[in-house]
Amino acid sequence: MTVNDWTAFCGSDTTATELSVIESVFKLREAQPSSIVDEMRKSLIDSYV
């Protein structure tokens, strides 16, 4: 992910908690409609199960 000149690397070992921290640091939830973020989160979390 690249947001405002910052880059975060997420791989197959990245947990939902770590993704949540990235979301809060980059304030992704505030920048996008919650339905898009929820859909993104569902697809990311599904891939880890």
Protein backbone atom coordinates (compact mmCIF):
# COMPACT_ATOMS: atom_id res chain seq x y z
CA MET A 1 0.00 0.00 0.00
CA THR A 2 1.17 3.51 -0.73
CA VAL A 3 -0.61 6.42 0.93
CA ASN A 4 0.56 10.04 0.99
CA ASP A 5 4.23 9.23 0.28
CA TRP A 6 4.25 6.41 2.87
CA THR A 7 4.52 2.74 1.95
CA ALA A 8 3.40 -0.30 3.94
CA PHE A 9 4.16 -3.82 2.79
CA CYS A 10 1.50 -6.45 3.41
CA GLY A 11 2.09 -10.10 2.66
CA SER A 12 0.39 -13.41 3.24
CA ASP A 13 1.56 -13.43 6.88
CA THR A 14 -0.03 -10.04 7.66
CA THR A 15 -2.79 -10.42 10.25
CA ALA A 16 -6.13 -8.62 10.42
CA THR A 17 -4.87 -6.75 13.49
CA GLU A 18 -1.85 -5.47 11.59
CA LEU A 19 -4.06 -4.36 8.70
CA SER A 20 -6.31 -2.56 11.17
CA VAL A 21 -3.30 -0.67 12.54
CA ILE A 22 -2.30 0.33 9.00
CA GLU A 23 -5.87 1.52 8.34
CA SER A 24 -5.84 3.68 11.46
CA VAL A 25 -2.33 5.10 10.86
CA PHE A 26 -3.17 6.09 7.28
CA LYS A 27 -6.74 7.03 8.31
CA LEU A 28 -8.14 4.97 5.43
CA ARG A 29 -11.50 4.54 7.10
CA GLU A 30 -12.00 8.33 7.16
CA ALA A 31 -10.96 8.80 3.53
CA GLN A 32 -13.28 6.24 1.92
CA PRO A 33 -16.89 5.23 2.30
CA SER A 34 -17.18 2.51 4.93
CA SER A 35 -18.81 0.08 2.50
CA ILE A 36 -15.69 0.10 0.30
CA VAL A 37 -13.40 -0.36 3.30
CA ASP A 38 -15.59 -3.16 4.68
CA GLU A 39 -15.56 -4.92 1.32
CA MET A 40 -11.78 -4.51 1.07
CA ARG A 41 -11.33 -5.87 4.60
CA LYS A 42 -13.58 -8.88 3.89
CA SER A 43 -11.56 -9.83 0.82
CA LEU A 44 -8.24 -9.40 2.68
CA ILE A 45 -9.36 -11.36 5.72
CA ASP A 46 -10.90 -14.13 3.59
CA SER A 47 -7.54 -14.73 1.96
CA TYR A 48 -5.94 -15.44 5.37
CA VAL A 49 -8.49 -18.04 6.48
